[in-house]
PDB file of N, CA and C in Angstrom:
ATOM      1  N   VAL A   1     -32.234 -10.029   1.670  1.00  0.00           N
ATOM      2  CA  VAL A   1     -32.650  -8.715   1.558  1.00  0.00           C
ATOM      3  C   VAL A   1     -31.918  -7.740   0.726  1.00  0.00           C
ATOM      4  N   PRO A   2     -32.628  -7.037  -0.195  1.00  0.00           N
ATOM      5  CA  PRO A   2     -32.027  -6.266  -1.149  1.00  0.00           C
ATOM      6  C   PRO A   2     -31.232  -5.050  -0.572  1.00  0.00           C
ATOM      7  N   THR A   3     -30.188  -4.816  -1.104  1.00  0.00           N
ATOM      8  CA  THR A   3     -29.526  -3.485  -0.566  1.00  0.00           C
ATOM      9  C   THR A   3     -29.669  -2.322  -1.495  1.00  0.00           C
ATOM     10  N   GLY A   4     -29.845  -2.479  -2.707  1.00  0.00           N
ATOM     11  CA  GLY A   4     -30.152  -1.397  -3.586  1.00  0.00           C
ATOM     12  C   GLY A   4     -28.888  -0.614  -3.971  1.00  0.00           C
ATOM     13  N   VAL A   5     -27.700  -1.170  -3.724  1.00  0.00           N
ATOM     14  CA  VAL A   5     -26.462  -0.449  -3.849  1.00  0.00           C
ATOM     15  C   VAL A   5     -25.568  -1.581  -4.857  1.00  0.00           C
ATOM     16  N   SER A   6     -24.600  -0.910  -5.546  1.00  0.00           N
ATOM     17  CA  SER A   6     -23.687  -1.873  -6.350  1.00  0.00           C
ATOM     18  C   SER A   6     -22.281  -1.966  -5.503  1.00  0.00           C
ATOM     19  N   HIS A   7     -22.223  -1.511  -4.316  1.00  0.00           N
ATOM     20  CA  HIS A   7     -21.141  -1.605  -3.624  1.00  0.00           C
ATOM     21  C   HIS A   7     -20.803  -3.044  -3.063  1.00  0.00           C
ATOM     22  N   ALA A   8     -19.628  -3.498  -3.012  1.00  0.00           N
ATOM     23  CA  ALA A   8     -19.321  -4.794  -2.376  1.00  0.00           C
ATOM     24  C   ALA A   8     -19.520  -4.676  -0.770  1.00  0.00           C
ATOM     25  N   LEU A   9     -20.093  -5.645  -0.125  1.00  0.00           N
ATOM     26  CA  LEU A   9     -20.379  -5.515   1.212  1.00  0.00           C
ATOM     27  C   LEU A   9     -19.576  -6.420   1.845  1.00  0.00           C
ATOM     28  N   TYR A  10     -18.810  -6.096   3.134  1.00  0.00           N
ATOM     29  CA  TYR A  10     -17.915  -6.956   3.670  1.00  0.00           C
ATOM     30  C   TYR A  10     -18.060  -7.226   5.277  1.00  0.00           C
ATOM     31  N   GLY A  11     -18.986  -6.392   5.796  1.00  0.00           N
ATOM     32  CA  GLY A  11     -19.342  -6.705   7.199  1.00  0.00           C
ATOM     33  C   GLY A  11     -20.867  -6.319   7.535  1.00  0.00           C
ATOM     34  N   VAL A  12     -21.244  -7.316   8.369  1.00  0.00           N
ATOM     35  CA  VAL A  12     -22.763  -7.133   8.676  1.00  0.00           C
ATOM     36  C   VAL A  12     -22.850  -7.327  10.264  1.00  0.00           C
ATOM     37  N   TRP A  13     -23.591  -6.624  10.995  1.00  0.00           N
ATOM     38  CA  TRP A  13     -23.708  -6.624  12.414  1.00  0.00           C
ATOM     39  C   TRP A  13     -25.126  -6.226  12.758  1.00  0.00           C
ATOM     40  N   ALA A  14     -25.729  -6.970  13.725  1.00  0.00           N
ATOM     41  CA  ALA A  14     -27.114  -6.673  14.054  1.00  0.00           C
ATOM     42  C   ALA A  14     -27.220  -6.508  15.592  1.00  0.00           C
ATOM     43  N   SER A  15     -27.540  -5.350  16.210  1.00  0.00           N
ATOM     44  CA  SER A  15     -27.699  -5.106  17.622  1.00  0.00           C
ATOM     45  C   SER A  15     -29.145  -5.673  18.087  1.00  0.00           C
ATOM     46  N   ALA A  16     -29.939  -5.932  17.085  1.00  0.00           N
ATOM     47  CA  ALA A  16     -31.276  -6.728  17.326  1.00  0.00           C
ATOM     48  C   ALA A  16     -31.944  -6.907  16.103  1.00  0.00           C
ATOM     49  N   ASP A  17     -33.222  -7.512  16.107  1.00  0.00           N
ATOM     50  CA  ASP A  17     -33.869  -8.060  14.870  1.00  0.00           C
ATOM     51  C   ASP A  17     -34.258  -6.624  14.093  1.00  0.00           C
ATOM     52  N   ASN A  18     -34.459  -5.562  14.595  1.00  0.00           N
ATOM     53  CA  ASN A  18     -34.773  -4.394  13.850  1.00  0.00           C
ATOM     54  C   ASN A  18     -33.646  -3.286  13.768  1.00  0.00           C
ATOM     55  N   ALA A  19     -32.440  -3.763  13.845  1.00  0.00           N
ATOM     56  CA  ALA A  19     -31.333  -2.980  13.783  1.00  0.00           C
ATOM     57  C   ALA A  19     -30.043  -3.832  13.226  1.00  0.00           C
ATOM     58  N   ILE A  20     -30.107  -3.810  11.905  1.00  0.00           N
ATOM     59  CA  ILE A  20     -29.119  -4.603  11.061  1.00  0.00           C
ATOM     60  C   ILE A  20     -28.234  -3.428  10.449  1.00  0.00           C
ATOM     61  N   TRP A  21     -27.058  -3.535  10.546  1.00  0.00           N
ATOM     62  CA  TRP A  21     -26.053  -2.752   9.873  1.00  0.00           C
ATOM     63  C   TRP A  21     -25.086  -3.440   8.897  1.00  0.00           C
ATOM     64  N   ALA A  22     -24.679  -2.921   7.757  1.00  0.00           N
ATOM     65  CA  ALA A  22     -23.808  -3.494   6.697  1.00  0.00           C
ATOM     66  C   ALA A  22     -22.801  -2.469   6.191  1.00  0.00           C
ATOM     67  N   VAL A  23     -21.614  -2.774   6.039  1.00  0.00           N
ATOM     68  CA  VAL A  23     -20.509  -1.894   5.503  1.00  0.00           C
ATOM     69  C   VAL A  23     -19.861  -2.360   4.328  1.00  0.00           C
ATOM     70  N   GLY A  24     -19.233  -1.593   3.374  1.00  0.00           N
ATOM     71  CA  GLY A  24     -18.591  -2.069   2.286  1.00  0.00           C
ATOM     72  C   GLY A  24     -17.877  -1.088   1.507  1.00  0.00           C
ATOM     73  N   GLY A  25     -17.706  -1.045   0.263  1.00  0.00           N
ATOM     74  CA  GLY A  25     -17.021  -0.161  -0.497  1.00  0.00           C
ATOM     75  C   GLY A  25     -17.345  -0.360  -2.097  1.00  0.00           C
ATOM     76  N   LEU A  26     -16.856   0.684  -2.837  1.00  0.00           N
ATOM     77  CA  LEU A  26     -17.058   0.461  -4.339  1.00  0.00           C
ATOM     78  C   LEU A  26     -15.654   0.981  -4.840  1.00  0.00           C
ATOM     79  N   GLY A  27     -15.215   0.076  -5.770  1.00  0.00           N
ATOM     80  CA  GLY A  27     -13.993   0.329  -6.295  1.00  0.00           C
ATOM     81  C   GLY A  27     -12.760  -0.208  -5.546  1.00  0.00           C
ATOM     82  N   ASP A  28     -11.486   0.268  -6.041  1.00  0.00           N
ATOM     83  CA  ASP A  28     -10.384  -0.166  -5.579  1.00  0.00           C
ATOM     84  C   ASP A  28     -10.386   0.028  -4.004  1.00  0.00           C
ATOM     85  N   PRO A  29     -10.051  -1.042  -3.200  1.00  0.00           N
ATOM     86  CA  PRO A  29     -10.043  -0.836  -1.681  1.00  0.00           C
ATOM     87  C   PRO A  29      -9.313   0.317  -1.325  1.00  0.00           C
ATOM     88  N   ALA A  30      -8.182   0.528  -2.017  1.00  0.00           N
ATOM     89  CA  ALA A  30      -7.241   1.667  -1.430  1.00  0.00           C
ATOM     90  C   ALA A  30      -7.905   3.177  -1.639  1.00  0.00           C
ATOM     91  N   THR A  31      -8.804   3.184  -2.668  1.00  0.00           N
ATOM     92  CA  THR A  31      -9.217   4.614  -3.132  1.00  0.00           C
ATOM     93  C   THR A  31     -10.779   4.548  -3.170  1.00  0.00           C
ATOM     94  N   ALA A  32     -11.403   3.386  -2.620  1.00  0.00           N
ATOM     95  CA  ALA A  32     -12.798   3.249  -2.711  1.00  0.00           C
ATOM     96  C   ALA A  32     -13.747   4.269  -1.903  1.00  0.00           C
ATOM     97  N   GLN A  33     -14.886   4.436  -2.272  1.00  0.00           N
ATOM     98  CA  GLN A  33     -15.896   5.161  -1.655  1.00  0.00           C
ATOM     99  C   GLN A  33     -16.647   4.161  -0.832  1.00  0.00           C
ATOM    100  N   GLY A  34     -16.517   4.376   0.677  1.00  0.00           N
ATOM    101  CA  GLY A  34     -17.190   3.380   1.502  1.00  0.00           C
ATOM    102  C   GLY A  34     -18.699   3.829   1.659  1.00  0.00           C
ATOM    103  N   ILE A  35     -19.391   2.833   2.441  1.00  0.00           N
ATOM    104  CA  ILE A  35     -20.747   2.893   2.580  1.00  0.00           C
ATOM    105  C   ILE A  35     -21.184   2.065   3.780  1.00  0.00           C
ATOM    106  N   VAL A  36     -22.271   2.828   4.637  1.00  0.00           N
ATOM    107  CA  VAL A  36     -22.842   2.236   5.609  1.00  0.00           C
ATOM    108  C   VAL A  36     -24.253   2.193   5.278  1.00  0.00           C
ATOM    109  N   LEU A  37     -24.821   0.877   5.648  1.00  0.00           N
ATOM    110  CA  LEU A  37     -26.230   0.721   5.247  1.00  0.00           C
ATOM    111  C   LEU A  37     -26.891   0.297   6.589  1.00  0.00           C
ATOM    112  N   PHE A  38     -28.217   0.448   6.619  1.00  0.00           N
ATOM    113  CA  PHE A  38     -29.054  -0.049   7.840  1.00  0.00           C
ATOM    114  C   PHE A  38     -30.386  -0.567   7.349  1.00  0.00           C
ATOM    115  N   HIS A  39     -30.781  -1.519   8.094  1.00  0.00           N
ATOM    116  CA  HIS A  39     -32.107  -2.324   7.856  1.00  0.00           C
ATOM    117  C   HIS A  39     -32.798  -2.384   9.111  1.00  0.00           C
ATOM    118  N   ASP A  40     -33.996  -1.930   9.111  1.00  0.00           N
ATOM    119  CA  ASP A  40     -35.066  -1.887  10.297  1.00  0.00           C
ATOM    120  C   ASP A  40     -35.639  -3.281  10.548  1.00  0.00           C
ATOM    121  N   GLY A  41     -35.368  -4.203   9.762  1.00  0.00           N
ATOM    122  CA  GLY A  41     -35.931  -5.647   9.827  1.00  0.00           C
ATOM    123  C   GLY A  41     -37.383  -5.719   9.257  1.00  0.00           C
ATOM    124  N   GLY A  42     -37.976  -4.645   8.640  1.00  0.00           N
ATOM    125  CA  GLY A  42     -39.160  -4.659   8.033  1.00  0.00           C
ATOM    126  C   GLY A  42     -39.120  -5.231   6.621  1.00  0.00           C
ATOM    127  N   PRO A  43     -40.109  -5.010   5.852  1.00  0.00           N
ATOM    128  CA  PRO A  43     -40.127  -5.649   4.411  1.00  0.00           C
ATOM    129  C   PRO A  43     -39.350  -5.040   3.364  1.00  0.00           C
ATOM    130  N   GLY A  44     -38.946  -3.782   3.711  1.00  0.00           N
ATOM    131  CA  GLY A  44     -38.165  -3.007   2.760  1.00  0.00           C
ATOM    132  C   GLY A  44     -36.652  -3.521   2.891  1.00  0.00           C
ATOM    133  N   GLY A  45     -35.854  -2.920   2.032  1.00  0.00           N
ATOM    134  CA  GLY A  45     -34.328  -3.289   1.927  1.00  0.00           C
ATOM    135  C   GLY A  45     -33.637  -2.339   2.909  1.00  0.00           C
ATOM    136  N   PHE A  46     -32.324  -2.398   2.738  1.00  0.00           N
ATOM    137  CA  PHE A  46     -31.452  -1.545   3.320  1.00  0.00           C
ATOM    138  C   PHE A  46     -31.601   0.007   2.881  1.00  0.00           C
ATOM    139  N   THR A  47     -31.078   0.838   3.819  1.00  0.00           N
ATOM    140  CA  THR A  47     -31.153   2.156   3.301  1.00  0.00           C
ATOM    141  C   THR A  47     -29.668   2.760   3.672  1.00  0.00           C
ATOM    142  N   ILE A  48     -29.384   3.696   2.928  1.00  0.00           N
ATOM    143  CA  ILE A  48     -28.051   4.211   3.042  1.00  0.00           C
ATOM    144  C   ILE A  48     -27.983   5.166   4.194  1.00  0.00           C
ATOM    145  N   VAL A  49     -27.122   4.959   5.073  1.00  0.00           N
ATOM    146  CA  VAL A  49     -26.861   5.900   6.301  1.00  0.00           C
ATOM    147  C   VAL A  49     -25.754   6.812   5.911  1.00  0.00           C
ATOM    148  N   ASP A  50     -24.583   6.313   5.503  1.00  0.00           N
ATOM    149  CA  ASP A  50     -23.489   7.221   5.155  1.00  0.00           C
ATOM    150  C   ASP A  50     -22.835   6.700   3.734  1.00  0.00           C
ATOM    151  N   ALA A  51     -22.664   7.421   2.881  1.00  0.00           N
ATOM    152  CA  ALA A  51     -21.993   7.011   1.563  1.00  0.00           C
ATOM    153  C   ALA A  51     -20.698   8.037   1.183  1.00  0.00           C
ATOM    154  N   ASN A  52     -20.573   8.844   2.147  1.00  0.00           N
ATOM    155  CA  ASN A  52     -19.405   9.846   1.850  1.00  0.00           C
ATOM    156  C   ASN A  52     -18.203   9.398   2.762  1.00  0.00           C
ATOM    157  N   VAL A  53     -17.656   8.140   2.631  1.00  0.00           N
ATOM    158  CA  VAL A  53     -16.584   7.600   3.442  1.00  0.00           C
ATOM    159  C   VAL A  53     -15.504   7.433   2.490  1.00  0.00           C
ATOM    160  N   ALA A  54     -14.408   7.999   2.938  1.00  0.00           N
ATOM    161  CA  ALA A  54     -13.127   7.946   1.955  1.00  0.00           C
ATOM    162  C   ALA A  54     -12.435   6.552   2.462  1.00  0.00           C
ATOM    163  N   GLY A  55     -12.786   5.454   1.674  1.00  0.00           N
ATOM    164  CA  GLY A  55     -12.114   4.044   1.952  1.00  0.00           C
ATOM    165  C   GLY A  55     -13.140   3.109   2.243  1.00  0.00           C
ATOM    166  N   THR A  56     -12.677   1.884   1.710  1.00  0.00           N
ATOM    167  CA  THR A  56     -13.581   0.893   1.980  1.00  0.00           C
ATOM    168  C   THR A  56     -13.846   0.387   3.449  1.00  0.00           C
ATOM    169  N   LEU A  57     -14.973   0.278   4.090  1.00  0.00           N
ATOM    170  CA  LEU A  57     -15.336  -0.317   5.433  1.00  0.00           C
ATOM    171  C   LEU A  57     -15.324  -1.714   5.324  1.00  0.00           C
ATOM    172  N   ARG A  58     -14.617  -2.479   6.156  1.00  0.00           N
ATOM    173  CA  ARG A  58     -14.522  -3.899   6.248  1.00  0.00           C
ATOM    174  C   ARG A  58     -15.180  -4.695   7.313  1.00  0.00           C
ATOM    175  N   SER A  59     -15.445  -3.839   8.507  1.00  0.00           N
ATOM    176  CA  SER A  59     -16.130  -4.398   9.636  1.00  0.00           C
ATOM    177  C   SER A  59     -17.033  -3.465  10.291  1.00  0.00           C
ATOM    178  N   ILE A  60     -18.100  -3.962  10.987  1.00  0.00           N
ATOM    179  CA  ILE A  60     -18.838  -3.072  11.926  1.00  0.00           C
ATOM    180  C   ILE A  60     -19.327  -4.038  12.964  1.00  0.00           C
ATOM    181  N   HIS A  61     -19.156  -3.381  14.189  1.00  0.00           N
ATOM    182  CA  HIS A  61     -19.611  -4.037  15.452  1.00  0.00           C
ATOM    183  C   HIS A  61     -19.919  -2.924  16.442  1.00  0.00           C
ATOM    184  N   GLY A  62     -20.515  -3.288  17.534  1.00  0.00           N
ATOM    185  CA  GLY A  62     -20.769  -2.485  18.618  1.00  0.00           C
ATOM    186  C   GLY A  62     -21.456  -3.049  19.778  1.00  0.00           C
ATOM    187  N   THR A  63     -21.758  -2.307  20.912  1.00  0.00           N
ATOM    188  CA  THR A  63     -22.411  -2.791  21.988  1.00  0.00           C
ATOM    189  C   THR A  63     -23.868  -2.566  22.118  1.00  0.00           C
ATOM    190  N   GLY A  64     -24.371  -1.844  21.404  1.00  0.00           N
ATOM    191  CA  GLY A  64     -25.708  -1.378  21.135  1.00  0.00           C
ATOM    192  C   GLY A  64     -25.952  -0.198  20.217  1.00  0.00           C
ATOM    193  N   PRO A  65     -27.196   0.309  20.086  1.00  0.00           N
ATOM    194  CA  PRO A  65     -27.390   1.338  19.093  1.00  0.00           C
ATOM    195  C   PRO A  65     -26.623   2.774  19.291  1.00  0.00           C
ATOM    196  N   ALA A  66     -26.047   2.869  20.510  1.00  0.00           N
ATOM    197  CA  ALA A  66     -25.391   4.214  20.898  1.00  0.00           C
ATOM    198  C   ALA A  66     -23.868   4.047  20.934  1.00  0.00           C
ATOM    199  N   ASP A  67     -23.358   2.785  20.308  1.00  0.00           N
ATOM    200  CA  ASP A  67     -22.104   2.558  20.328  1.00  0.00           C
ATOM    201  C   ASP A  67     -21.611   1.482  19.259  1.00  0.00           C
ATOM    202  N   ILE A  68     -21.444   2.062  18.060  1.00  0.00           N
ATOM    203  CA  ILE A  68     -21.102   1.287  16.938  1.00  0.00           C
ATOM    204  C   ILE A  68     -19.848   2.013  16.312  1.00  0.00           C
ATOM    205  N   TRP A  69     -19.067   0.852  15.969  1.00  0.00           N
ATOM    206  CA  TRP A  69     -17.797   1.164  15.155  1.00  0.00           C
ATOM    207  C   TRP A  69     -17.764   0.525  13.918  1.00  0.00           C
ATOM    208  N   ALA A  70     -17.314   1.180  12.873  1.00  0.00           N
ATOM    209  CA  ALA A  70     -17.032   0.664  11.466  1.00  0.00           C
ATOM    210  C   ALA A  70     -15.734   1.035  11.081  1.00  0.00           C
ATOM    211  N   VAL A  71     -14.976   0.049  10.634  1.00  0.00           N
ATOM    212  CA  VAL A  71     -13.488   0.262  10.332  1.00  0.00           C
ATOM    213  C   VAL A  71     -13.176  -0.346   9.114  1.00  0.00           C
ATOM    214  N   GLY A  72     -12.037   0.182   8.462  1.00  0.00           N
ATOM    215  CA  GLY A  72     -11.455  -0.283   7.343  1.00  0.00           C
ATOM    216  C   GLY A  72      -9.941   0.316   7.236  1.00  0.00           C
ATOM    217  N   LYS A  73      -9.355   0.056   6.147  1.00  0.00           N
ATOM    218  CA  LYS A  73      -7.868   0.601   6.096  1.00  0.00           C
ATOM    219  C   LYS A  73      -7.985   2.095   6.100  1.00  0.00           C
ATOM    220  N   ASN A  74      -7.275   2.536   7.174  1.00  0.00           N
ATOM    221  CA  ASN A  74      -7.246   4.089   7.211  1.00  0.00           C
ATOM    222  C   ASN A  74      -8.690   4.891   7.466  1.00  0.00           C
ATOM    223  N   VAL A  75      -9.601   3.935   7.709  1.00  0.00           N
ATOM    224  CA  VAL A  75     -10.888   4.429   8.224  1.00  0.00           C
ATOM    225  C   VAL A  75     -11.363   4.043   9.554  1.00  0.00           C
ATOM    226  N   ARG A  76     -11.917   4.903  10.231  1.00  0.00           N
ATOM    227  CA  ARG A  76     -12.568   4.401  11.631  1.00  0.00           C
ATOM    228  C   ARG A  76     -13.584   5.443  11.920  1.00  0.00           C
ATOM    229  N   LEU A  77     -14.710   4.839  12.003  1.00  0.00           N
ATOM    230  CA  LEU A  77     -16.051   5.635  12.170  1.00  0.00           C
ATOM    231  C   LEU A  77     -16.696   5.261  13.609  1.00  0.00           C
ATOM    232  N   HIS A  78     -17.214   6.205  14.307  1.00  0.00           N
ATOM    233  CA  HIS A  78     -18.037   5.694  15.550  1.00  0.00           C
ATOM    234  C   HIS A  78     -19.427   6.419  15.417  1.00  0.00           C
ATOM    235  N   ASN A  79     -20.412   5.799  15.964  1.00  0.00           N
ATOM    236  CA  ASN A  79     -21.717   6.145  16.051  1.00  0.00           C
ATOM    237  C   ASN A  79     -22.177   6.083  17.448  1.00  0.00           C
ATOM    238  N   ASP A  80     -22.462   7.242  18.062  1.00  0.00           N
ATOM    239  CA  ASP A  80     -22.859   7.329  19.577  1.00  0.00           C
ATOM    240  C   ASP A  80     -24.465   7.563  19.417  1.00  0.00           C
ATOM    241  N   GLY A  81     -25.049   7.092  18.372  1.00  0.00           N
ATOM    242  CA  GLY A  81     -26.517   7.237  18.382  1.00  0.00           C
ATOM    243  C   GLY A  81     -27.007   8.296  17.701  1.00  0.00           C
ATOM    244  N   SER A  82     -26.143   9.215  17.354  1.00  0.00           N
ATOM    245  CA  SER A  82     -26.638  10.562  16.560  1.00  0.00           C
ATOM    246  C   SER A  82     -25.936  10.477  15.113  1.00  0.00           C
ATOM    247  N   GLY A  83     -25.159   9.435  14.749  1.00  0.00           N
ATOM    248  CA  GLY A  83     -24.675   9.500  13.513  1.00  0.00           C
ATOM    249  C   GLY A  83     -23.327   9.165  13.500  1.00  0.00           C
ATOM    250  N   PHE A  84     -22.705   8.680  12.390  1.00  0.00           N
ATOM    251  CA  PHE A  84     -21.253   8.293  12.375  1.00  0.00           C
ATOM    252  C   PHE A  84     -20.274   9.454  12.267  1.00  0.00           C
ATOM    253  N   VAL A  85     -19.290   9.535  12.861  1.00  0.00           N
ATOM    254  CA  VAL A  85     -18.253  10.469  12.863  1.00  0.00           C
ATOM    255  C   VAL A  85     -16.826   9.850  12.654  1.00  0.00           C
ATOM    256  N   ASP A  86     -15.916  10.441  11.881  1.00  0.00           N
ATOM    257  CA  ASP A  86     -14.727   9.915  11.625  1.00  0.00           C
ATOM    258  C   ASP A  86     -13.956  10.243  12.841  1.00  0.00           C
ATOM    259  N   THR A  87     -13.236   9.110  13.394  1.00  0.00           N
ATOM    260  CA  THR A  87     -12.520   9.279  14.640  1.00  0.00           C
ATOM    261  C   THR A  87     -10.972   9.108  14.474  1.00  0.00           C
ATOM    262  N   ARG A  88     -10.556   9.119  13.229  1.00  0.00           N
ATOM    263  CA  ARG A  88      -9.085   8.872  12.878  1.00  0.00           C
ATOM    264  C   ARG A  88      -8.325  10.086  13.558  1.00  0.00           C
ATOM    265  N   TYR A  89      -6.950   9.836  13.983  1.00  0.00           N
ATOM    266  CA  TYR A  89      -6.220  10.960  14.304  1.00  0.00           C
ATOM    267  C   TYR A  89      -5.659  11.645  13.214  1.00  0.00           C
ATOM    268  N   PRO A  90      -5.558  12.902  13.221  1.00  0.00           N
ATOM    269  CA  PRO A  90      -5.032  13.739  12.088  1.00  0.00           C
ATOM    270  C   PRO A  90      -3.485  13.173  11.901  1.00  0.00           C
ATOM    271  N   ASP A  91      -3.158  13.335  10.497  1.00  0.00           N
ATOM    272  CA  ASP A  91      -1.764  13.024  10.171  1.00  0.00           C
ATOM    273  C   ASP A  91      -0.681  13.873  10.860  1.00  0.00           C
ATOM    274  N   GLY A  92       0.481  13.395  11.081  1.00  0.00           N
ATOM    275  CA  GLY A  92       1.338  14.182  11.759  1.00  0.00           C
ATOM    276  C   GLY A  92       1.675  13.877  13.093  1.00  0.00           C
TER     277      GLY A  92
END
């Protein structure tokens, strides 16, 4: 399935045949721009869900469409069904 992006992809998880997620990053993993992609199982490719992530995402997993986690070095995102939110603790 084409992704339409030049990012390296490191993690894929599917909660169903019509809910496939992929994560990765572009550039040096320490300073990369991360990306989250989604595919609905149809004939088209992946669509970008979030491309404004500071750091490469290495893994994605969840319990269903309202509980998805995407993680990488110094990056931790959670999606409760309404979009991905950065859940890291602030420095200090």
